[in-house]
C-alpha cells in the first residue's frame, strides 16, 4: 500500500466521486470496493428479481442495540448504493446547516455553512449530469450556476397534475434528476426513459450513478487503481495518530 498517495475506501457517491476528482491530479490513487461490479443482465429490470428475490441485496446480518438481528437491505457494488438509488439529487437547504429544533430534539449546526459547500454542489451537479430548472422550487438555496441539463419533461398525467396544482396556487417543480437523458436527441441518449429506474440497477447505464459518472472516468487515468472484493477491516495509524 506504500505505492499509493491516496487510498479511498468505498466507490459510492463519496469515494467514487473523490476518485474522479483526484484522477487528473497525477496522484497515485487506490480505490477499494467491498463488492464487485454489478452484473449487467436482464434481471436488472425485473421487479421480481430486484424487490422480491433481493437479487442484489447483501446477504449479511446486522444487529440493533438490543442485539436483535435484521437484514439491512444494503448493496455492495462498484458505485455503492447509487447503483439502485432513485437518482433524485437535491441540495440540502441553507437552513439545514444551522441549528434546527425538531420534535425529537435539537439538530446542532454543521461546522461548515451552505455557502462554503455551494461550489462543490455545483461541481457535483456537473459530474452527475443533473437535470433541473432553477427558480421553480421556492425552497431551493442560492446556486452559482444553472443545472447542466434541462429538467426532465413530465409524463402527460404528471403534467396535468402540475398544471392543476399551479392553478390552485401551489408551486410544483421538476425534481432534480441524475439521469443521462437527451430528450432532444434520443438516438444518442443513454437513458431510454423506461419505467424501471427508482430502486432498479440500470442495464443501459442511463442512470447517473457513481460507477458510470465517477469510477469509470477515473479508471481512464493510469494513476487510478480499483480493487474489488476488498473489505477494509481496520485503519492503522502512525504513533502520533496523525497519519493513517
Protein backbone atom coordinates (compact mmCIF):
# COMPACT_ATOMS: atom_id res chain seq x y z
CA UNK A 1 0.00 0.00 0.00
CA UNK A 2 3.02 2.30 0.22
CA UNK A 3 2.84 2.64 -3.57
CA UNK A 4 -0.20 4.92 -3.30
CA UNK A 5 -0.60 8.54 -2.32
CA UNK A 6 -4.31 8.19 -1.54
CA UNK A 7 -6.38 5.15 -0.58
CA UNK A 8 -10.15 5.54 -0.79
CA UNK A 9 -12.45 3.08 0.96
CA UNK A 10 -15.71 2.63 -0.92
CA UNK A 11 -16.62 3.52 -4.50
CA UNK A 12 -20.06 5.01 -3.95
CA UNK A 13 -21.26 8.59 -4.01
CA UNK A 14 -18.43 9.71 -1.72
CA UNK A 15 -15.47 7.54 -2.65
CA UNK A 16 -16.25 7.20 -6.33
CA UNK A 17 -16.70 10.95 -6.72
CA UNK A 18 -13.45 11.65 -4.90
CA UNK A 19 -11.58 9.20 -7.12
CA UNK A 20 -12.72 11.00 -10.27
CA UNK A 21 -11.85 14.40 -8.77
CA UNK A 22 -8.34 13.23 -7.87
CA UNK A 23 -7.70 11.28 -11.08
CA UNK A 24 -6.36 14.21 -13.18
CA UNK A 25 -4.03 15.27 -10.35
CA UNK A 26 -1.47 12.59 -11.12
CA UNK A 27 -1.58 11.28 -7.55
CA UNK A 28 -1.46 7.52 -7.22
CA UNK A 29 -4.98 6.59 -6.11
CA UNK A 30 -6.18 3.19 -4.88
CA UNK A 31 -9.95 2.74 -4.75
CA UNK A 32 -11.13 -0.14 -2.55
CA UNK A 33 -14.58 -1.63 -3.08
CA UNK A 34 -16.02 -4.30 -0.81
CA UNK A 35 -18.23 -5.64 -3.58
CA UNK A 36 -17.77 -6.35 -7.27
CA UNK A 37 -19.16 -4.90 -10.49
CA UNK A 38 -22.94 -5.19 -10.55
CA UNK A 39 -23.80 -7.61 -13.36
CA UNK A 40 -25.47 -6.15 -16.43
CA UNK A 41 -28.25 -8.63 -17.11
CA UNK A 42 -31.97 -8.77 -17.95
CA UNK A 43 -32.76 -9.23 -14.24
CA UNK A 44 -31.65 -5.61 -13.64
CA UNK A 45 -35.12 -4.53 -14.78
CA UNK A 46 -37.27 -7.34 -13.37
CA UNK A 47 -39.22 -6.34 -10.26
CA UNK A 48 -39.49 -9.94 -9.03
CA UNK A 49 -35.71 -10.35 -9.02
CA UNK A 50 -34.92 -6.90 -7.61
CA UNK A 51 -37.59 -6.40 -4.95
CA UNK A 52 -38.92 -9.86 -4.09
CA UNK A 53 -35.92 -12.14 -4.53
CA UNK A 54 -33.44 -9.45 -3.38
CA UNK A 55 -31.04 -10.45 -6.11
CA UNK A 56 -28.68 -7.50 -5.47
CA UNK A 57 -29.00 -7.26 -1.68
CA UNK A 58 -26.10 -8.28 0.53
CA UNK A 59 -26.86 -11.48 2.49
CA UNK A 60 -25.22 -10.20 5.65
CA UNK A 61 -26.96 -9.74 9.01
CA UNK A 62 -26.82 -6.63 11.20
CA UNK A 63 -27.88 -6.23 14.83
CA UNK A 64 -29.73 -3.40 16.56
CA UNK A 65 -28.73 -2.03 20.02
CA UNK A 66 -30.83 -4.72 21.68
CA UNK A 67 -29.00 -7.49 19.81
CA UNK A 68 -31.92 -8.28 17.52
CA UNK A 69 -30.82 -9.44 14.07
CA UNK A 70 -32.14 -7.73 10.95
CA UNK A 71 -31.43 -7.69 7.21
CA UNK A 72 -30.16 -4.19 6.33
CA UNK A 73 -31.11 -4.22 2.63
CA UNK A 74 -27.64 -2.94 1.78
CA UNK A 75 -25.81 -3.22 -1.54
CA UNK A 76 -22.08 -3.67 -2.14
CA UNK A 77 -21.08 -2.92 -5.71
CA UNK A 78 -18.82 -0.60 -7.66
CA UNK A 79 -20.83 2.60 -7.41
CA UNK A 80 -22.23 1.72 -3.99
CA UNK A 81 -25.84 2.43 -3.16
CA UNK A 82 -26.15 4.76 -6.17
CA UNK A 83 -26.46 1.68 -8.38
CA UNK A 84 -30.03 1.31 -7.11
CA UNK A 85 -30.94 4.84 -5.98
CA UNK A 86 -33.80 6.90 -7.34
CA UNK A 87 -31.46 9.47 -8.94
CA UNK A 88 -33.16 12.45 -7.23
CA UNK A 89 -30.26 14.81 -6.48
CA UNK A 90 -31.45 17.63 -4.24
CA UNK A 91 -29.17 20.04 -2.46
CA UNK A 92 -29.61 20.46 1.28
CA UNK A 93 -31.32 23.73 2.08
CA UNK A 94 -29.32 26.61 3.50
CA UNK A 95 -31.17 26.32 6.80
CA UNK A 96 -30.18 22.67 7.16
CA UNK A 97 -26.63 23.74 8.01
CA UNK A 98 -27.73 25.76 11.03
CA UNK A 99 -29.13 24.69 14.37
CA UNK A 100 -32.61 23.21 13.98
CA UNK A 101 -35.17 22.30 16.60
CA UNK A 102 -37.18 19.18 15.78
CA UNK A 103 -39.90 17.27 17.58
CA UNK A 104 -37.33 14.71 18.73
CA UNK A 105 -34.73 17.22 19.84
CA UNK A 106 -32.00 19.56 18.68
CA UNK A 107 -30.03 19.14 15.46
CA UNK A 108 -26.77 21.03 16.02
CA UNK A 109 -25.29 23.34 13.42
CA UNK A 110 -22.77 21.99 10.93
CA UNK A 111 -19.13 23.12 11.23
CA UNK A 112 -19.42 24.50 7.70
CA UNK A 113 -22.06 26.64 6.03
CA UNK A 114 -24.06 26.11 2.86
CA UNK A 115 -22.15 28.94 1.20
CA UNK A 116 -18.86 27.12 1.79
CA UNK A 117 -20.25 23.92 0.28
CA UNK A 118 -22.09 25.53 -2.63
CA UNK A 119 -19.22 25.42 -5.18
CA UNK A 120 -18.89 21.69 -4.58
CA UNK A 121 -22.61 21.14 -5.12
CA UNK A 122 -22.16 22.85 -8.48
CA UNK A 123 -19.22 20.60 -9.39
CA UNK A 124 -21.17 17.50 -8.34
CA UNK A 125 -24.19 18.51 -10.42
CA UNK A 126 -21.93 18.83 -13.45
CA UNK A 127 -20.30 15.45 -12.80
CA UNK A 128 -23.63 13.68 -12.30
CA UNK A 129 -25.34 15.36 -15.27
CA UNK A 130 -28.24 16.66 -13.19
CA UNK A 131 -31.40 17.78 -14.98
CA UNK A 132 -33.48 20.51 -13.39
CA UNK A 133 -34.78 24.07 -13.56
CA UNK A 134 -33.61 26.82 -11.23
CA UNK A 135 -36.25 29.11 -9.78
CA UNK A 136 -39.16 26.68 -9.80
CA UNK A 137 -38.68 25.37 -6.26
CA UNK A 138 -39.44 28.15 -3.75
CA UNK A 139 -37.34 26.38 -1.09
CA UNK A 140 -34.17 25.90 -3.14
CA UNK A 141 -30.99 27.58 -1.86
CA UNK A 142 -28.88 30.01 -3.90
CA UNK A 143 -26.83 28.44 -6.69
CA UNK A 144 -23.86 29.81 -8.60
CA UNK A 145 -24.73 28.02 -11.85
CA UNK A 146 -27.75 26.58 -13.65
CA UNK A 147 -28.30 22.86 -13.83
CA UNK A 148 -26.16 21.39 -16.60
CA UNK A 149 -29.20 19.88 -18.32
CA UNK A 150 -32.84 21.00 -18.67
CA UNK A 151 -35.49 19.49 -16.44
CA UNK A 152 -36.95 16.15 -17.45
CA UNK A 153 -40.33 16.72 -19.06
CA UNK A 154 -43.38 15.46 -17.22
CA UNK A 155 -45.36 12.45 -18.33
CA UNK A 156 -48.83 13.56 -19.53
CA UNK A 157 -50.62 12.64 -16.29
CA UNK A 158 -47.98 14.35 -14.15
CA UNK A 159 -48.11 17.45 -16.38
CA UNK A 160 -51.88 17.61 -15.84
CA UNK A 161 -51.37 17.28 -12.10
CA UNK A 162 -48.70 20.00 -12.10
CA UNK A 163 -50.99 22.33 -14.06
CA UNK A 164 -53.84 21.72 -11.63
CA UNK A 165 -51.62 22.36 -8.60
CA UNK A 166 -50.28 25.56 -10.12
CA UNK A 167 -53.79 26.74 -10.89
CA UNK A 168 -54.68 26.12 -7.25
CA UNK A 169 -51.86 28.43 -6.14
CA UNK A 170 -49.21 25.84 -5.33
CA UNK A 171 -45.66 25.68 -6.67
CA UNK A 172 -44.94 22.28 -8.24
CA UNK A 173 -41.44 21.88 -9.64
CA UNK A 174 -39.36 19.39 -11.56
CA UNK A 175 -37.28 17.21 -9.27
CA UNK A 176 -33.54 17.47 -10.00
CA UNK A 177 -32.74 14.13 -11.60
CA UNK A 178 -29.42 12.41 -12.25
CA UNK A 179 -30.28 10.55 -15.43
CA UNK A 180 -28.28 10.57 -18.64
CA UNK A 181 -31.18 11.63 -20.83
CA UNK A 182 -31.07 13.63 -24.06
CA UNK A 183 -34.73 14.25 -24.81
CA UNK A 184 -33.94 16.26 -27.95
CA UNK A 185 -31.55 13.59 -29.25
CA UNK A 186 -32.90 10.22 -28.14
CA UNK A 187 -30.83 8.20 -30.66
CA UNK A 188 -27.74 9.28 -28.68
CA UNK A 189 -29.34 9.19 -25.22
CA UNK A 190 -28.06 6.65 -22.71
CA UNK A 191 -31.36 6.81 -20.80
CA UNK A 192 -34.30 5.31 -22.68
CA UNK A 193 -36.85 6.71 -20.22
CA UNK A 194 -38.08 3.32 -19.11
CA UNK A 195 -40.34 2.54 -16.13
CA UNK A 196 -37.60 0.71 -14.21
CA UNK A 197 -35.45 3.40 -12.60
CA UNK A 198 -36.04 4.03 -8.90
CA UNK A 199 -34.72 1.04 -6.98
CA UNK A 200 -33.50 -0.80 -10.07
CA UNK A 201 -29.98 -1.06 -11.48
CA UNK A 202 -29.82 0.40 -14.99
CA UNK A 203 -28.83 -2.15 -17.59
CA UNK A 204 -28.13 0.55 -20.22
CA UNK A 205 -26.11 2.83 -17.89
CA UNK A 206 -28.72 5.57 -18.24
CA UNK A 207 -28.67 6.45 -14.53
CA UNK A 208 -26.10 8.91 -13.20
CA UNK A 209 -24.64 6.57 -10.64
CA UNK A 210 -21.16 6.68 -9.16
CA UNK A 211 -19.90 3.78 -11.25
CA UNK A 212 -20.86 5.37 -14.56
CA UNK A 213 -20.18 9.04 -13.80
CA UNK A 214 -17.22 8.75 -11.45
CA UNK A 215 -15.41 5.41 -11.24
CA UNK A 216 -15.29 4.57 -14.94
CA UNK A 217 -13.95 8.03 -15.92
CA UNK A 218 -11.42 7.85 -13.07
CA UNK A 219 -10.12 4.50 -14.29
CA UNK A 220 -9.28 6.04 -17.64
CA UNK A 221 -6.32 7.58 -15.82
CA UNK A 222 -3.35 5.19 -15.36
CA UNK A 223 -2.68 6.51 -11.85
CA UNK A 224 -6.04 5.21 -10.53
CA UNK A 225 -6.43 1.57 -9.49
CA UNK A 226 -9.66 -0.15 -8.46
CA UNK A 227 -9.51 -3.21 -6.23
CA UNK A 228 -12.85 -5.03 -5.94
CA UNK A 229 -13.90 -7.61 -3.34
CA UNK A 230 -11.62 -5.76 -0.91
CA UNK A 231 -13.07 -5.39 2.58
CA UNK A 232 -11.37 -2.86 4.85
CA UNK A 233 -11.35 -4.17 8.45
CA UNK A 234 -9.20 -1.61 10.27
CA UNK A 235 -7.20 1.60 9.89
CA UNK A 236 -3.60 1.66 11.11
CA UNK A 237 -2.04 4.96 12.17
CA UNK A 238 1.46 6.17 12.98
CA UNK A 239 2.39 6.50 16.70
CA UNK A 240 1.18 10.11 16.73
CA UNK A 241 -2.17 9.13 15.25
CA UNK A 242 -1.90 11.74 12.51
CA UNK A 243 -1.12 9.55 9.50
CA UNK A 244 -3.31 6.60 8.54
